[in-house]
Structures are given as C-alpha cells and as structure tokens.
PDB file of all heavy atoms in Angstrom:
ATOM      1  N   SER A   1      -0.187   5.154  -9.242  1.00  0.00           N
ATOM      2  CA  SER A   1       0.197   5.696 -10.536  1.00  0.00           C
ATOM      3  C   SER A   1       1.184   6.843 -10.372  1.00  0.00           C
ATOM      4  O   SER A   1       1.408   7.356  -9.277  1.00  0.00           O
ATOM      5  CB  SER A   1      -1.042   6.177 -11.295  1.00  0.00           C
ATOM      6  OG  SER A   1      -1.620   7.296 -10.650  1.00  0.00           O
ATOM      7  N   SER A   2       1.769   7.254 -11.498  1.00  0.00           N
ATOM      8  CA  SER A   2       2.734   8.347 -11.467  1.00  0.00           C
ATOM      9  C   SER A   2       2.124   9.653 -10.980  1.00  0.00           C
ATOM     10  O   SER A   2       2.825  10.473 -10.384  1.00  0.00           O
ATOM     11  CB  SER A   2       3.351   8.550 -12.850  1.00  0.00           C
ATOM     12  OG  SER A   2       2.366   8.899 -13.807  1.00  0.00           O
ATOM     13  N   SER A   3       0.839   9.847 -11.231  1.00  0.00           N
ATOM     14  CA  SER A   3       0.151  11.049 -10.775  1.00  0.00           C
ATOM     15  C   SER A   3      -0.212  10.990  -9.293  1.00  0.00           C
ATOM     16  O   SER A   3      -0.487  12.024  -8.681  1.00  0.00           O
ATOM     17  CB  SER A   3      -1.113  11.285 -11.595  1.00  0.00           C
ATOM     18  OG  SER A   3      -2.081  10.291 -11.320  1.00  0.00           O
ATOM     19  N   GLY A   4      -0.242   9.799  -8.751  1.00  0.00           N
ATOM     20  CA  GLY A   4      -0.681   9.611  -7.386  1.00  0.00           C
ATOM     21  C   GLY A   4      -2.181   9.565  -7.221  1.00  0.00           C
ATOM     22  O   GLY A   4      -2.677   9.344  -6.110  1.00  0.00           O
ATOM     23  N   ASP A   5      -2.909   9.762  -8.304  1.00  0.00           N
ATOM     24  CA  ASP A   5      -4.364   9.840  -8.239  1.00  0.00           C
ATOM     25  C   ASP A   5      -5.044   8.483  -8.323  1.00  0.00           C
ATOM     26  O   ASP A   5      -6.237   8.379  -8.024  1.00  0.00           O
ATOM     27  CB  ASP A   5      -4.903  10.722  -9.365  1.00  0.00           C
ATOM     28  CG  ASP A   5      -4.518  12.171  -9.202  1.00  0.00           C
ATOM     29  OD1 ASP A   5      -4.306  12.614  -8.054  1.00  0.00           O
ATOM     30  OD2 ASP A   5      -4.435  12.878 -10.226  1.00  0.00           O
ATOM     31  N   TYR A   6      -4.329   7.481  -8.745  1.00  0.00           N
ATOM     32  CA  TYR A   6      -4.897   6.152  -8.903  1.00  0.00           C
ATOM     33  C   TYR A   6      -4.132   5.165  -8.045  1.00  0.00           C
ATOM     34  O   TYR A   6      -2.898   5.124  -8.076  1.00  0.00           O
ATOM     35  CB  TYR A   6      -4.852   5.709 -10.362  1.00  0.00           C
ATOM     36  CG  TYR A   6      -5.242   4.267 -10.566  1.00  0.00           C
ATOM     37  CD1 TYR A   6      -6.578   3.899 -10.657  1.00  0.00           C
ATOM     38  CD2 TYR A   6      -4.270   3.277 -10.654  1.00  0.00           C
ATOM     39  CE1 TYR A   6      -6.941   2.578 -10.833  1.00  0.00           C
ATOM     40  CE2 TYR A   6      -4.625   1.951 -10.828  1.00  0.00           C
ATOM     41  CZ  TYR A   6      -5.963   1.602 -10.920  1.00  0.00           C
ATOM     42  OH  TYR A   6      -6.313   0.291 -11.090  1.00  0.00           O
ATOM     43  N   THR A   7      -4.866   4.378  -7.299  1.00  0.00           N
ATOM     44  CA  THR A   7      -4.289   3.279  -6.536  1.00  0.00           C
ATOM     45  C   THR A   7      -5.156   2.050  -6.703  1.00  0.00           C
ATOM     46  O   THR A   7      -6.354   2.150  -6.948  1.00  0.00           O
ATOM     47  CB  THR A   7      -4.170   3.613  -5.044  1.00  0.00           C
ATOM     48  OG1 THR A   7      -5.471   3.901  -4.508  1.00  0.00           O
ATOM     49  CG2 THR A   7      -3.266   4.817  -4.811  1.00  0.00           C
ATOM     50  N   ASN A   8      -4.538   0.888  -6.570  1.00  0.00           N
ATOM     51  CA  ASN A   8      -5.317  -0.334  -6.557  1.00  0.00           C
ATOM     52  C   ASN A   8      -4.751  -1.287  -5.517  1.00  0.00           C
ATOM     53  O   ASN A   8      -3.613  -1.137  -5.055  1.00  0.00           O
ATOM     54  CB  ASN A   8      -5.398  -0.986  -7.945  1.00  0.00           C
ATOM     55  CG  ASN A   8      -4.060  -1.472  -8.479  1.00  0.00           C
ATOM     56  OD1 ASN A   8      -3.226  -2.004  -7.745  1.00  0.00           O
ATOM     57  ND2 ASN A   8      -3.862  -1.318  -9.783  1.00  0.00           N
ATOM     58  N   TYR A   9      -5.579  -2.252  -5.146  1.00  0.00           N
ATOM     59  CA  TYR A   9      -5.220  -3.216  -4.123  1.00  0.00           C
ATOM     60  C   TYR A   9      -5.774  -4.579  -4.485  1.00  0.00           C
ATOM     61  O   TYR A   9      -6.868  -4.699  -5.046  1.00  0.00           O
ATOM     62  CB  TYR A   9      -5.792  -2.814  -2.758  1.00  0.00           C
ATOM     63  CG  TYR A   9      -5.313  -1.487  -2.249  1.00  0.00           C
ATOM     64  CD1 TYR A   9      -6.009  -0.315  -2.543  1.00  0.00           C
ATOM     65  CD2 TYR A   9      -4.170  -1.398  -1.470  1.00  0.00           C
ATOM     66  CE1 TYR A   9      -5.567   0.911  -2.080  1.00  0.00           C
ATOM     67  CE2 TYR A   9      -3.721  -0.175  -1.002  1.00  0.00           C
ATOM     68  CZ  TYR A   9      -4.427   0.974  -1.311  1.00  0.00           C
ATOM     69  OH  TYR A   9      -3.980   2.194  -0.845  1.00  0.00           O
ATOM     70  N   GLU A  10      -5.020  -5.599  -4.166  1.00  0.00           N
ATOM     71  CA  GLU A  10      -5.546  -6.940  -4.269  1.00  0.00           C
ATOM     72  C   GLU A  10      -6.678  -7.096  -3.256  1.00  0.00           C
ATOM     73  O   GLU A  10      -6.631  -6.526  -2.164  1.00  0.00           O
ATOM     74  CB  GLU A  10      -4.447  -7.971  -4.010  1.00  0.00           C
ATOM     75  CG  GLU A  10      -4.884  -9.396  -4.257  1.00  0.00           C
ATOM     76  CD  GLU A  10      -3.769 -10.388  -4.031  1.00  0.00           C
ATOM     77  OE1 GLU A  10      -2.967 -10.168  -3.097  1.00  0.00           O
ATOM     78  OE2 GLU A  10      -3.692 -11.371  -4.782  1.00  0.00           O
ATOM     79  N   ASP A  11      -7.677  -7.869  -3.609  1.00  0.00           N
ATOM     80  CA  ASP A  11      -8.858  -7.987  -2.764  1.00  0.00           C
ATOM     81  C   ASP A  11      -8.521  -8.424  -1.335  1.00  0.00           C
ATOM     82  O   ASP A  11      -9.146  -7.961  -0.376  1.00  0.00           O
ATOM     83  CB  ASP A  11      -9.854  -8.973  -3.378  1.00  0.00           C
ATOM     84  CG  ASP A  11     -10.557  -8.411  -4.595  1.00  0.00           C
ATOM     85  OD1 ASP A  11     -10.539  -7.184  -4.782  1.00  0.00           O
ATOM     86  OD2 ASP A  11     -11.144  -9.207  -5.356  1.00  0.00           O
ATOM     87  N   SER A  12      -7.552  -9.297  -1.195  1.00  0.00           N
ATOM     88  CA  SER A  12      -7.243  -9.839   0.119  1.00  0.00           C
ATOM     89  C   SER A  12      -6.647  -8.812   1.077  1.00  0.00           C
ATOM     90  O   SER A  12      -6.620  -9.050   2.288  1.00  0.00           O
ATOM     91  CB  SER A  12      -6.287 -11.031  -0.012  1.00  0.00           C
ATOM     92  OG  SER A  12      -5.031 -10.627  -0.531  1.00  0.00           O
ATOM     93  N   VAL A  13      -6.171  -7.685   0.558  1.00  0.00           N
ATOM     94  CA  VAL A  13      -5.553  -6.680   1.420  1.00  0.00           C
ATOM     95  C   VAL A  13      -6.362  -5.393   1.498  1.00  0.00           C
ATOM     96  O   VAL A  13      -5.991  -4.487   2.261  1.00  0.00           O
ATOM     97  CB  VAL A  13      -4.109  -6.350   0.973  1.00  0.00           C
ATOM     98  CG1 VAL A  13      -3.286  -7.626   0.843  1.00  0.00           C
ATOM     99  CG2 VAL A  13      -4.096  -5.561  -0.327  1.00  0.00           C
ATOM    100  N   LYS A  14      -7.444  -5.292   0.762  1.00  0.00           N
ATOM    101  CA  LYS A  14      -8.267  -4.087   0.802  1.00  0.00           C
ATOM    102  C   LYS A  14      -8.786  -3.832   2.211  1.00  0.00           C
ATOM    103  O   LYS A  14      -9.256  -4.738   2.883  1.00  0.00           O
ATOM    104  CB  LYS A  14      -9.444  -4.212  -0.166  1.00  0.00           C
ATOM    105  CG  LYS A  14      -9.070  -4.064  -1.626  1.00  0.00           C
ATOM    106  CD  LYS A  14     -10.295  -4.138  -2.525  1.00  0.00           C
ATOM    107  CE  LYS A  14      -9.924  -3.946  -3.981  1.00  0.00           C
ATOM    108  NZ  LYS A  14     -11.098  -4.064  -4.872  1.00  0.00           N
ATOM    109  N   GLY A  15      -8.687  -2.589   2.624  1.00  0.00           N
ATOM    110  CA  GLY A  15      -9.105  -2.218   3.958  1.00  0.00           C
ATOM    111  C   GLY A  15      -8.045  -2.415   5.011  1.00  0.00           C
ATOM    112  O   GLY A  15      -8.205  -1.929   6.140  1.00  0.00           O
ATOM    113  N   ARG A  16      -6.981  -3.118   4.675  1.00  0.00           N
ATOM    114  CA  ARG A  16      -5.894  -3.367   5.614  1.00  0.00           C
ATOM    115  C   ARG A  16      -4.593  -2.676   5.211  1.00  0.00           C
ATOM    116  O   ARG A  16      -3.839  -2.227   6.069  1.00  0.00           O
ATOM    117  CB  ARG A  16      -5.639  -4.869   5.758  1.00  0.00           C
ATOM    118  CG  ARG A  16      -6.837  -5.656   6.267  1.00  0.00           C
ATOM    119  CD  ARG A  16      -6.449  -7.089   6.614  1.00  0.00           C
ATOM    120  NE  ARG A  16      -5.989  -7.825   5.432  1.00  0.00           N
ATOM    121  CZ  ARG A  16      -4.779  -8.383   5.318  1.00  0.00           C
ATOM    122  NH1 ARG A  16      -3.905  -8.290   6.317  1.00  0.00           N
ATOM    123  NH2 ARG A  16      -4.457  -9.054   4.230  1.00  0.00           N
ATOM    124  N   PHE A  17      -4.329  -2.621   3.913  1.00  0.00           N
ATOM    125  CA  PHE A  17      -3.090  -2.030   3.401  1.00  0.00           C
ATOM    126  C   PHE A  17      -3.388  -0.690   2.749  1.00  0.00           C
ATOM    127  O   PHE A  17      -4.448  -0.507   2.136  1.00  0.00           O
ATOM    128  CB  PHE A  17      -2.434  -2.939   2.363  1.00  0.00           C
ATOM    129  CG  PHE A  17      -1.858  -4.222   2.903  1.00  0.00           C
ATOM    130  CD1 PHE A  17      -2.103  -4.647   4.197  1.00  0.00           C
ATOM    131  CD2 PHE A  17      -1.055  -5.008   2.085  1.00  0.00           C
ATOM    132  CE1 PHE A  17      -1.573  -5.827   4.679  1.00  0.00           C
ATOM    133  CE2 PHE A  17      -0.518  -6.198   2.553  1.00  0.00           C
ATOM    134  CZ  PHE A  17      -0.779  -6.608   3.849  1.00  0.00           C
ATOM    135  N   THR A  18      -2.439   0.222   2.839  1.00  0.00           N
ATOM    136  CA  THR A  18      -2.550   1.521   2.199  1.00  0.00           C
ATOM    137  C   THR A  18      -1.229   1.879   1.538  1.00  0.00           C
ATOM    138  O   THR A  18      -0.181   1.847   2.190  1.00  0.00           O
ATOM    139  CB  THR A  18      -2.926   2.624   3.196  1.00  0.00           C
ATOM    140  OG1 THR A  18      -4.152   2.290   3.857  1.00  0.00           O
ATOM    141  CG2 THR A  18      -3.102   3.961   2.472  1.00  0.00           C
ATOM    142  N   ILE A  19      -1.290   2.224   0.251  1.00  0.00           N
ATOM    143  CA  ILE A  19      -0.100   2.660  -0.463  1.00  0.00           C
ATOM    144  C   ILE A  19      -0.087   4.184  -0.511  1.00  0.00           C
ATOM    145  O   ILE A  19      -1.127   4.822  -0.674  1.00  0.00           O
ATOM    146  CB  ILE A  19      -0.042   2.048  -1.878  1.00  0.00           C
ATOM    147  CG1 ILE A  19       1.323   2.287  -2.528  1.00  0.00           C
ATOM    148  CG2 ILE A  19      -1.163   2.572  -2.765  1.00  0.00           C
ATOM    149  CD1 ILE A  19       1.535   1.487  -3.804  1.00  0.00           C
ATOM    150  N   SER A  20       1.083   4.765  -0.359  1.00  0.00           N
ATOM    151  CA  SER A  20       1.225   6.212  -0.400  1.00  0.00           C
ATOM    152  C   SER A  20       2.630   6.551  -0.876  1.00  0.00           C
ATOM    153  O   SER A  20       3.478   5.669  -1.021  1.00  0.00           O
ATOM    154  CB  SER A  20       0.947   6.842   0.968  1.00  0.00           C
ATOM    155  OG  SER A  20       1.885   6.397   1.931  1.00  0.00           O
ATOM    156  N   ARG A  21       2.872   7.834  -1.100  1.00  0.00           N
ATOM    157  CA  ARG A  21       4.190   8.245  -1.549  1.00  0.00           C
ATOM    158  C   ARG A  21       4.550   9.616  -1.006  1.00  0.00           C
ATOM    159  O   ARG A  21       3.685  10.425  -0.663  1.00  0.00           O
ATOM    160  CB  ARG A  21       4.258   8.258  -3.082  1.00  0.00           C
ATOM    161  CG  ARG A  21       3.373   9.319  -3.725  1.00  0.00           C
ATOM    162  CD  ARG A  21       3.473   9.278  -5.225  1.00  0.00           C
ATOM    163  NE  ARG A  21       2.814  10.422  -5.838  1.00  0.00           N
ATOM    164  CZ  ARG A  21       2.887  10.746  -7.106  1.00  0.00           C
ATOM    165  NH1 ARG A  21       3.606   9.989  -7.937  1.00  0.00           N
ATOM    166  NH2 ARG A  21       2.253  11.808  -7.565  1.00  0.00           N
ATOM    167  N   ASP A  22       5.844   9.853  -0.945  1.00  0.00           N
ATOM    168  CA  ASP A  22       6.397  11.136  -0.538  1.00  0.00           C
ATOM    169  C   ASP A  22       7.325  11.572  -1.663  1.00  0.00           C
ATOM    170  O   ASP A  22       8.432  11.045  -1.796  1.00  0.00           O
ATOM    171  CB  ASP A  22       7.138  11.017   0.791  1.00  0.00           C
ATOM    172  CG  ASP A  22       7.590  12.347   1.341  1.00  0.00           C
ATOM    173  OD1 ASP A  22       7.943  13.245   0.552  1.00  0.00           O
ATOM    174  OD2 ASP A  22       7.609  12.503   2.582  1.00  0.00           O
ATOM    175  N   ILE A  23       6.871  12.520  -2.469  1.00  0.00           N
ATOM    176  CA  ILE A  23       7.645  12.949  -3.630  1.00  0.00           C
ATOM    177  C   ILE A  23       8.996  13.531  -3.204  1.00  0.00           C
ATOM    178  O   ILE A  23      10.027  13.260  -3.823  1.00  0.00           O
ATOM    179  CB  ILE A  23       6.862  13.982  -4.453  1.00  0.00           C
ATOM    180  CG1 ILE A  23       5.592  13.351  -5.039  1.00  0.00           C
ATOM    181  CG2 ILE A  23       7.729  14.544  -5.563  1.00  0.00           C
ATOM    182  CD1 ILE A  23       5.876  12.251  -6.048  1.00  0.00           C
ATOM    183  N   ALA A  24       8.994  14.333  -2.161  1.00  0.00           N
ATOM    184  CA  ALA A  24      10.225  14.970  -1.709  1.00  0.00           C
ATOM    185  C   ALA A  24      11.280  13.952  -1.310  1.00  0.00           C
ATOM    186  O   ALA A  24      12.478  14.175  -1.509  1.00  0.00           O
ATOM    187  CB  ALA A  24       9.935  15.924  -0.556  1.00  0.00           C
ATOM    188  N   LYS A  25      10.849  12.850  -0.737  1.00  0.00           N
ATOM    189  CA  LYS A  25      11.772  11.807  -0.303  1.00  0.00           C
ATOM    190  C   LYS A  25      11.984  10.725  -1.351  1.00  0.00           C
ATOM    191  O   LYS A  25      12.769   9.799  -1.126  1.00  0.00           O
ATOM    192  CB  LYS A  25      11.279  11.170   0.991  1.00  0.00           C
ATOM    193  CG  LYS A  25      11.276  12.111   2.176  1.00  0.00           C
ATOM    194  CD  LYS A  25      10.835  11.393   3.442  1.00  0.00           C
ATOM    195  CE  LYS A  25      10.892  12.306   4.643  1.00  0.00           C
ATOM    196  NZ  LYS A  25      10.461  11.613   5.886  1.00  0.00           N
ATOM    197  N   ASN A  26      11.279  10.823  -2.474  1.00  0.00           N
ATOM    198  CA  ASN A  26      11.356   9.800  -3.519  1.00  0.00           C
ATOM    199  C   ASN A  26      11.123   8.405  -2.945  1.00  0.00           C
ATOM    200  O   ASN A  26      11.854   7.449  -3.235  1.00  0.00           O
ATOM    201  CB  ASN A  26      12.694   9.858  -4.247  1.00  0.00           C
ATOM    202  CG  ASN A  26      12.549  10.234  -5.709  1.00  0.00           C
ATOM    203  OD1 ASN A  26      11.601  10.912  -6.101  1.00  0.00           O
ATOM    204  ND2 ASN A  26      13.491   9.789  -6.531  1.00  0.00           N
ATOM    205  N   THR A  27      10.084   8.298  -2.151  1.00  0.00           N
ATOM    206  CA  THR A  27       9.809   7.064  -1.429  1.00  0.00           C
ATOM    207  C   THR A  27       8.326   6.721  -1.512  1.00  0.00           C
ATOM    208  O   THR A  27       7.472   7.602  -1.398  1.00  0.00           O
ATOM    209  CB  THR A  27      10.231   7.182   0.041  1.00  0.00           C
ATOM    210  OG1 THR A  27      11.635   7.458   0.112  1.00  0.00           O
ATOM    211  CG2 THR A  27       9.951   5.893   0.793  1.00  0.00           C
ATOM    212  N   VAL A  28       8.050   5.452  -1.710  1.00  0.00           N
ATOM    213  CA  VAL A  28       6.695   4.920  -1.686  1.00  0.00           C
ATOM    214  C   VAL A  28       6.568   4.009  -0.474  1.00  0.00           C
ATOM    215  O   VAL A  28       7.487   3.252  -0.159  1.00  0.00           O
ATOM    216  CB  VAL A  28       6.368   4.168  -2.980  1.00  0.00           C
ATOM    217  CG1 VAL A  28       4.996   3.499  -2.890  1.00  0.00           C
ATOM    218  CG2 VAL A  28       6.399   5.123  -4.165  1.00  0.00           C
ATOM    219  N   TYR A  29       5.430   4.084   0.182  1.00  0.00           N
ATOM    220  CA  TYR A  29       5.200   3.315   1.394  1.00  0.00           C
ATOM    221  C   TYR A  29       4.051   2.335   1.209  1.00  0.00           C
ATOM    222  O   TYR A  29       3.137   2.552   0.419  1.00  0.00           O
ATOM    223  CB  TYR A  29       4.859   4.244   2.563  1.00  0.00           C
ATOM    224  CG  TYR A  29       5.901   5.291   2.835  1.00  0.00           C
ATOM    225  CD1 TYR A  29       5.763   6.580   2.343  1.00  0.00           C
ATOM    226  CD2 TYR A  29       7.034   4.989   3.588  1.00  0.00           C
ATOM    227  CE1 TYR A  29       6.719   7.548   2.586  1.00  0.00           C
ATOM    228  CE2 TYR A  29       7.994   5.948   3.834  1.00  0.00           C
ATOM    229  CZ  TYR A  29       7.838   7.226   3.336  1.00  0.00           C
ATOM    230  OH  TYR A  29       8.788   8.180   3.586  1.00  0.00           O
ATOM    231  N   LEU A  30       4.108   1.272   1.955  1.00  0.00           N
ATOM    232  CA  LEU A  30       2.993   0.349   2.066  1.00  0.00           C
ATOM    233  C   LEU A  30       2.722   0.136   3.542  1.00  0.00           C
ATOM    234  O   LEU A  30       3.486  -0.558   4.223  1.00  0.00           O
ATOM    235  CB  LEU A  30       3.284  -0.982   1.374  1.00  0.00           C
ATOM    236  CG  LEU A  30       2.110  -1.966   1.337  1.00  0.00           C
ATOM    237  CD1 LEU A  30       1.001  -1.439   0.434  1.00  0.00           C
ATOM    238  CD2 LEU A  30       2.566  -3.344   0.866  1.00  0.00           C
ATOM    239  N   GLN A  31       1.670   0.771   4.034  1.00  0.00           N
ATOM    240  CA  GLN A  31       1.254   0.592   5.411  1.00  0.00           C
ATOM    241  C   GLN A  31       0.398  -0.655   5.497  1.00  0.00           C
ATOM    242  O   GLN A  31      -0.622  -0.759   4.821  1.00  0.00           O
ATOM    243  CB  GLN A  31       0.471   1.809   5.902  1.00  0.00           C
ATOM    244  CG  GLN A  31      -0.035   1.701   7.334  1.00  0.00           C
ATOM    245  CD  GLN A  31       1.078   1.698   8.353  1.00  0.00           C
ATOM    246  OE1 GLN A  31       1.985   2.516   8.272  1.00  0.00           O
ATOM    247  NE2 GLN A  31       1.014   0.776   9.304  1.00  0.00           N
ATOM    248  N   MET A  32       0.801  -1.593   6.327  1.00  0.00           N
ATOM    249  CA  MET A  32       0.121  -2.870   6.451  1.00  0.00           C
ATOM    250  C   MET A  32      -0.405  -3.005   7.873  1.00  0.00           C
ATOM    251  O   MET A  32       0.373  -3.060   8.827  1.00  0.00           O
ATOM    252  CB  MET A  32       1.058  -4.026   6.109  1.00  0.00           C
ATOM    253  CG  MET A  32       1.723  -3.898   4.743  1.00  0.00           C
ATOM    254  SD  MET A  32       2.707  -5.357   4.288  1.00  0.00           S
ATOM    255  CE  MET A  32       3.954  -5.300   5.576  1.00  0.00           C
ATOM    256  N   ASN A  33      -1.710  -3.057   8.002  1.00  0.00           N
ATOM    257  CA  ASN A  33      -2.371  -3.213   9.289  1.00  0.00           C
ATOM    258  C   ASN A  33      -3.117  -4.538   9.339  1.00  0.00           C
ATOM    259  O   ASN A  33      -3.387  -5.156   8.316  1.00  0.00           O
ATOM    260  CB  ASN A  33      -3.346  -2.063   9.537  1.00  0.00           C
ATOM    261  CG  ASN A  33      -2.674  -0.713   9.581  1.00  0.00           C
ATOM    262  OD1 ASN A  33      -1.542  -0.582  10.032  1.00  0.00           O
ATOM    263  ND2 ASN A  33      -3.380   0.329   9.126  1.00  0.00           N
ATOM    264  N   SER A  34      -3.477  -4.944  10.540  1.00  0.00           N
ATOM    265  CA  SER A  34      -4.235  -6.177  10.747  1.00  0.00           C
ATOM    266  C   SER A  34      -3.608  -7.342  10.008  1.00  0.00           C
ATOM    267  O   SER A  34      -4.283  -8.109   9.311  1.00  0.00           O
ATOM    268  CB  SER A  34      -5.691  -5.976  10.310  1.00  0.00           C
ATOM    269  OG  SER A  34      -6.301  -4.924  11.016  1.00  0.00           O
ATOM    270  N   LEU A  35      -2.321  -7.498  10.170  1.00  0.00           N
ATOM    271  CA  LEU A  35      -1.589  -8.511   9.421  1.00  0.00           C
ATOM    272  C   LEU A  35      -2.006  -9.920   9.815  1.00  0.00           C
ATOM    273  O   LEU A  35      -2.312 -10.194  10.977  1.00  0.00           O
ATOM    274  CB  LEU A  35      -0.094  -8.327   9.623  1.00  0.00           C
ATOM    275  CG  LEU A  35       0.511  -7.173   8.819  1.00  0.00           C
ATOM    276  CD1 LEU A  35       1.870  -6.781   9.366  1.00  0.00           C
ATOM    277  CD2 LEU A  35       0.615  -7.556   7.345  1.00  0.00           C
ATOM    278  N   LYS A  36      -2.004 -10.786   8.822  1.00  0.00           N
ATOM    279  CA  LYS A  36      -2.383 -12.177   8.981  1.00  0.00           C
ATOM    280  C   LYS A  36      -1.211 -13.076   8.608  1.00  0.00           C
ATOM    281  O   LYS A  36      -0.342 -12.672   7.834  1.00  0.00           O
ATOM    282  CB  LYS A  36      -3.580 -12.504   8.080  1.00  0.00           C
ATOM    283  CG  LYS A  36      -4.788 -11.611   8.283  1.00  0.00           C
ATOM    284  CD  LYS A  36      -5.866 -11.914   7.256  1.00  0.00           C
ATOM    285  CE  LYS A  36      -7.071 -11.017   7.438  1.00  0.00           C
ATOM    286  NZ  LYS A  36      -8.119 -11.299   6.422  1.00  0.00           N
ATOM    287  N   PRO A  37      -1.178 -14.297   9.122  1.00  0.00           N
ATOM    288  CA  PRO A  37      -0.093 -15.205   8.742  1.00  0.00           C
ATOM    289  C   PRO A  37       0.037 -15.387   7.235  1.00  0.00           C
ATOM    290  O   PRO A  37       1.160 -15.546   6.733  1.00  0.00           O
ATOM    291  CB  PRO A  37      -0.478 -16.512   9.438  1.00  0.00           C
ATOM    292  CG  PRO A  37      -1.237 -16.074  10.640  1.00  0.00           C
ATOM    293  CD  PRO A  37      -2.024 -14.864  10.181  1.00  0.00           C
ATOM    294  N   GLU A  38      -1.066 -15.351   6.515  1.00  0.00           N
ATOM    295  CA  GLU A  38      -1.013 -15.511   5.071  1.00  0.00           C
ATOM    296  C   GLU A  38      -0.394 -14.324   4.348  1.00  0.00           C
ATOM    297  O   GLU A  38      -0.162 -14.383   3.138  1.00  0.00           O
ATOM    298  CB  GLU A  38      -2.406 -15.802   4.494  1.00  0.00           C
ATOM    299  CG  GLU A  38      -3.479 -14.847   4.975  1.00  0.00           C
ATOM    300  CD  GLU A  38      -4.283 -15.407   6.141  1.00  0.00           C
ATOM    301  OE1 GLU A  38      -3.657 -15.948   7.087  1.00  0.00           O
ATOM    302  OE2 GLU A  38      -5.521 -15.314   6.110  1.00  0.00           O
ATOM    303  N   ASP A  39      -0.121 -13.241   5.073  1.00  0.00           N
ATOM    304  CA  ASP A  39       0.607 -12.121   4.497  1.00  0.00           C
ATOM    305  C   ASP A  39       2.112 -12.363   4.485  1.00  0.00           C
ATOM    306  O   ASP A  39       2.856 -11.557   3.919  1.00  0.00           O
ATOM    307  CB  ASP A  39       0.318 -10.827   5.267  1.00  0.00           C
ATOM    308  CG  ASP A  39      -1.129 -10.382   5.146  1.00  0.00           C
ATOM    309  OD1 ASP A  39      -1.686 -10.447   4.030  1.00  0.00           O
ATOM    310  OD2 ASP A  39      -1.703  -9.958   6.171  1.00  0.00           O
ATOM    311  N   THR A  40       2.556 -13.427   5.111  1.00  0.00           N
ATOM    312  CA  THR A  40       3.977 -13.744   5.151  1.00  0.00           C
ATOM    313  C   THR A  40       4.514 -13.960   3.745  1.00  0.00           C
ATOM    314  O   THR A  40       3.993 -14.780   2.985  1.00  0.00           O
ATOM    315  CB  THR A  40       4.229 -14.989   6.002  1.00  0.00           C
ATOM    316  OG1 THR A  40       3.860 -14.721   7.362  1.00  0.00           O
ATOM    317  CG2 THR A  40       5.695 -15.389   5.967  1.00  0.00           C
ATOM    318  N   ALA A  41       5.545 -13.219   3.387  1.00  0.00           N
ATOM    319  CA  ALA A  41       6.113 -13.286   2.047  1.00  0.00           C
ATOM    320  C   ALA A  41       7.311 -12.356   1.973  1.00  0.00           C
ATOM    321  O   ALA A  41       7.551 -11.546   2.873  1.00  0.00           O
ATOM    322  CB  ALA A  41       5.073 -12.880   0.993  1.00  0.00           C
TER     323      ALA A  41
END
C-alpha cells in the first residue's frame, strides 16, 4: 500500500517472496527466494 503498512501475497508465493520499498529511491522490490519452475513468467 501507499503507506507501506499493508502487504499481500498470492498463496503460492507466501513465505518465498517479499515485497518492500525504498522511498528515497522511488523503487519497489520483489525479493524472490526458493524459486520454482512454475514461477517462470
């Protein structure tokens, strides 16, 4: 969310992906760990 206080994840990526942001850099990140072939997209 715009406040940064709310995040959500699709069930298939919970525990593996993390969304975050850096306000100073105006950048949002998606850290993806334990990647699976079905994550290909």
